[in-house]
C-alpha atoms as a PDB file:
ATOM      1  CA  MET A   1      -9.407  -3.179  23.361  1.00  0.00           C
ATOM      2  CA  ARG A   2      -9.510  -2.306  27.000  1.00  0.00           C
ATOM      3  CA  SER A   3     -11.368  -5.485  27.926  1.00  0.00           C
ATOM      4  CA  LYS A   4      -8.761  -7.583  26.107  1.00  0.00           C
ATOM      5  CA  LYS A   5      -6.067  -5.989  28.273  1.00  0.00           C
ATOM      6  CA  THR A   6      -8.038  -6.494  31.364  1.00  0.00           C
ATOM      7  CA  LYS A   7      -8.527 -10.104  30.434  1.00  0.00           C
ATOM      8  CA  THR A   8      -4.793 -10.613  29.825  1.00  0.00           C
ATOM      9  CA  LYS A   9      -3.743  -8.917  33.173  1.00  0.00           C
ATOM     10  CA  GLY A  10      -6.256 -11.231  34.998  1.00  0.00           C
ATOM     11  CA  LEU A  11      -4.731 -14.382  33.212  1.00  0.00           C
ATOM     12  CA  ILE A  12      -1.337 -13.253  34.346  1.00  0.00           C
ATOM     13  CA  ARG A  13      -2.439 -12.622  37.760  1.00  0.00           C
ATOM     14  CA  ALA A  14      -4.109 -16.018  37.888  1.00  0.00           C
ATOM     15  CA  ASP A  15      -0.989 -17.749  36.480  1.00  0.00           C
ATOM     16  CA  ASN A  16       1.074 -16.102  38.954  1.00  0.00           C
ATOM     17  CA  ALA A  17      -1.162 -17.151  41.763  1.00  0.00           C
ATOM     18  CA  ARG A  18      -1.270 -20.722  40.421  1.00  0.00           C
ATOM     19  CA  SER A  19       2.512 -20.693  40.091  1.00  0.00           C
ATOM     20  CA  LEU A  20       2.928 -19.589  43.615  1.00  0.00           C
ATOM     21  CA  LYS A  21       0.663 -22.286  44.855  1.00  0.00           C
ATOM     22  CA  VAL A  22       2.674 -24.964  43.004  1.00  0.00           C
ATOM     23  CA  TYR A  23       5.901 -23.394  44.241  1.00  0.00           C
ATOM     24  CA  ASN A  24       4.574 -23.510  47.928  1.00  0.00           C
ATOM     25  CA  ARG A  25       3.553 -27.266  47.639  1.00  0.00           C
ATOM     26  CA  ILE A  26       6.965 -28.010  46.130  1.00  0.00           C
ATOM     27  CA  ARG A  27       8.679 -26.071  48.816  1.00  0.00           C
ATOM     28  CA  LYS A  28       6.997 -28.035  51.506  1.00  0.00           C
ATOM     29  CA  ILE A  29       7.909 -31.291  49.857  1.00  0.00           C
ATOM     30  CA  ILE A  30      11.601 -30.264  49.780  1.00  0.00           C
ATOM     31  CA  GLU A  31      11.536 -29.126  53.401  1.00  0.00           C
ATOM     32  CA  ALA A  32       9.938 -32.291  54.486  1.00  0.00           C
ATOM     33  CA  ALA A  33      12.521 -34.472  52.731  1.00  0.00           C
ATOM     34  CA  ARG A  34      15.301 -32.426  54.206  1.00  0.00           C
ATOM     35  CA  ALA A  35      13.890 -32.781  57.731  1.00  0.00           C
ATOM     36  CA  ASN A  36      13.561 -36.526  57.105  1.00  0.00           C
ATOM     37  CA  ILE A  37      17.073 -36.748  55.857  1.00  0.00           C
ATOM     38  CA  ALA A  38      18.409 -34.940  58.956  1.00  0.00           C
ATOM     39  CA  ARG A  39      16.476 -37.351  61.223  1.00  0.00           C
ATOM     40  CA  THR A  40      17.776 -40.298  59.326  1.00  0.00           C
ATOM     41  CA  ILE A  41      21.310 -39.208  59.437  1.00  0.00           C
ATOM     42  CA  ASN A  42      21.040 -38.562  63.283  1.00  0.00           C
ATOM     43  CA  SER A  43      19.483 -41.957  63.865  1.00  0.00           C
ATOM     44  CA  GLU A  44      22.311 -43.752  61.759  1.00  0.00           C
ATOM     45  CA  MET A  45      25.076 -41.793  63.630  1.00  0.00           C
ATOM     46  CA  VAL A  46      23.659 -42.743  66.932  1.00  0.00           C
ATOM     47  CA  MET A  47      23.634 -46.438  65.847  1.00  0.00           C
ATOM     48  CA  ALA A  48      27.070 -46.152  64.508  1.00  0.00           C
ATOM     49  CA  TYR A  49      28.397 -44.673  67.661  1.00  0.00           C
ATOM     50  CA  TRP A  50      26.755 -47.479  69.635  1.00  0.00           C
ATOM     51  CA  GLN A  51      28.259 -49.982  67.468  1.00  0.00           C
ATOM     52  CA  ILE A  52      31.779 -48.362  67.734  1.00  0.00           C
ATOM     53  CA  GLY A  53      31.395 -48.179  71.481  1.00  0.00           C
ATOM     54  CA  ARG A  54      30.442 -51.818  71.536  1.00  0.00           C
ATOM     55  CA  GLU A  55      33.551 -52.764  69.578  1.00  0.00           C
ATOM     56  CA  ILE A  56      35.821 -50.747  71.885  1.00  0.00           C
ATOM     57  CA  VAL A  57      34.192 -52.101  75.215  1.00  0.00           C
ATOM     58  CA  GLU A  58      34.157 -55.682  73.858  1.00  0.00           C
ATOM     59  CA  ASP A  59      37.892 -55.529  72.831  1.00  0.00           C
ATOM     60  CA  GLU A  60      38.862 -53.859  76.241  1.00  0.00           C
ATOM     61  CA  GLN A  61      37.008 -56.294  78.478  1.00  0.00           C
ATOM     62  CA  LYS A  62      39.001 -59.246  76.799  1.00  0.00           C
ATOM     63  CA  GLY A  63      42.542 -58.057  77.964  1.00  0.00           C
ATOM     64  CA  SER A  64      43.838 -58.452  81.545  1.00  0.00           C
ATOM     65  CA  ALA A  65      45.771 -55.205  81.429  1.00  0.00           C
ATOM     66  CA  ARG A  66      42.477 -53.433  80.454  1.00  0.00           C
ATOM     67  CA  ALA A  67      43.285 -49.914  81.670  1.00  0.00           C
ATOM     68  CA  LYS A  68      46.692 -49.595  80.011  1.00  0.00           C
ATOM     69  CA  TYR A  69      45.651 -51.377  76.788  1.00  0.00           C
ATOM     70  CA  GLY A  70      42.327 -49.303  76.599  1.00  0.00           C
ATOM     71  CA  GLN A  71      44.242 -46.033  76.731  1.00  0.00           C
ATOM     72  CA  GLN A  72      46.533 -47.082  74.021  1.00  0.00           C
ATOM     73  CA  LEU A  73      43.693 -48.659  71.938  1.00  0.00           C
ATOM     74  CA  LEU A  74      41.808 -45.285  72.076  1.00  0.00           C
ATOM     75  CA  LYS A  75      44.978 -43.406  71.065  1.00  0.00           C
ATOM     76  CA  ASP A  76      45.720 -45.602  68.110  1.00  0.00           C
ATOM     77  CA  LEU A  77      41.994 -45.681  67.023  1.00  0.00           C
ATOM     78  CA  SER A  78      41.801 -41.784  67.257  1.00  0.00           C
ATOM     79  CA  ALA A  79      44.986 -41.403  65.103  1.00  0.00           C
ATOM     80  CA  ARG A  80      43.791 -43.808  62.413  1.00  0.00           C
ATOM     81  CA  LEU A  81      40.061 -42.724  62.389  1.00  0.00           C
ATOM     82  CA  SER A  82      41.011 -39.019  62.372  1.00  0.00           C
ATOM     83  CA  GLU A  83      43.347 -39.726  59.373  1.00  0.00           C
ATOM     84  CA  ASP A  84      40.684 -41.517  57.442  1.00  0.00           C
ATOM     85  CA  PHE A  85      37.551 -39.441  58.470  1.00  0.00           C
ATOM     86  CA  GLY A  86      38.738 -36.166  59.930  1.00  0.00           C
ATOM     87  CA  LYS A  87      37.538 -34.539  62.947  1.00  0.00           C
ATOM     88  CA  GLY A  88      35.325 -36.045  65.585  1.00  0.00           C
ATOM     89  CA  PHE A  89      37.410 -39.091  66.510  1.00  0.00           C
ATOM     90  CA  ASP A  90      39.770 -37.708  69.045  1.00  0.00           C
ATOM     91  CA  ALA A  91      40.448 -39.901  72.180  1.00  0.00           C
ATOM     92  CA  SER A  92      37.961 -37.971  74.326  1.00  0.00           C
ATOM     93  CA  ASN A  93      35.086 -38.457  71.760  1.00  0.00           C
ATOM     94  CA  LEU A  94      35.975 -42.120  71.610  1.00  0.00           C
ATOM     95  CA  ARG A  95      35.738 -42.313  75.307  1.00  0.00           C
ATOM     96  CA  ASN A  96      32.231 -40.479  74.963  1.00  0.00           C
ATOM     97  CA  ILE A  97      31.249 -43.045  72.229  1.00  0.00           C
ATOM     98  CA  ARG A  98      32.392 -45.924  74.457  1.00  0.00           C
ATOM     99  CA  SER A  99      30.089 -44.701  77.297  1.00  0.00           C
ATOM    100  CA  PHE A 100      27.023 -45.437  75.113  1.00  0.00           C
ATOM    101  CA  LEU A 101      27.384 -49.024  76.524  1.00  0.00           C
ATOM    102  CA  PRO A 102      27.437 -50.096  80.180  1.00  0.00           C
ATOM    103  CA  ASP A 103      30.650 -51.510  81.709  1.00  0.00           C
ATOM    104  CA  LEU A 104      30.329 -55.168  80.760  1.00  0.00           C
ATOM    105  CA  SER A 105      32.598 -56.212  83.630  1.00  0.00           C
ATOM    106  CA  LYS A 106      30.036 -55.005  86.198  1.00  0.00           C
ATOM    107  CA  MET A 107      27.262 -57.088  84.735  1.00  0.00           C
END
């Protein structure tokens, strides 16, 4: 009977070791996927900010009273975007987003 118990304990240990190996492989898959998701989100946000900045700069460059209109535009955009999307779109952030692009009037 003793040999039967020893074999059973050995099988349990082998199953636990096998389970741990599978777990570790799955854990690595999940961690890699999460890292890829974070990189993708960061890239998409940079592209979105660049496009938002382009929209603001191109609109501001069209008007003759650029400075006054630009300040009011940022205030209006900030209020609307903050209402729709929450934090992150105050006027100072929009100015930073706008700075992703060069001043087109100087080109």
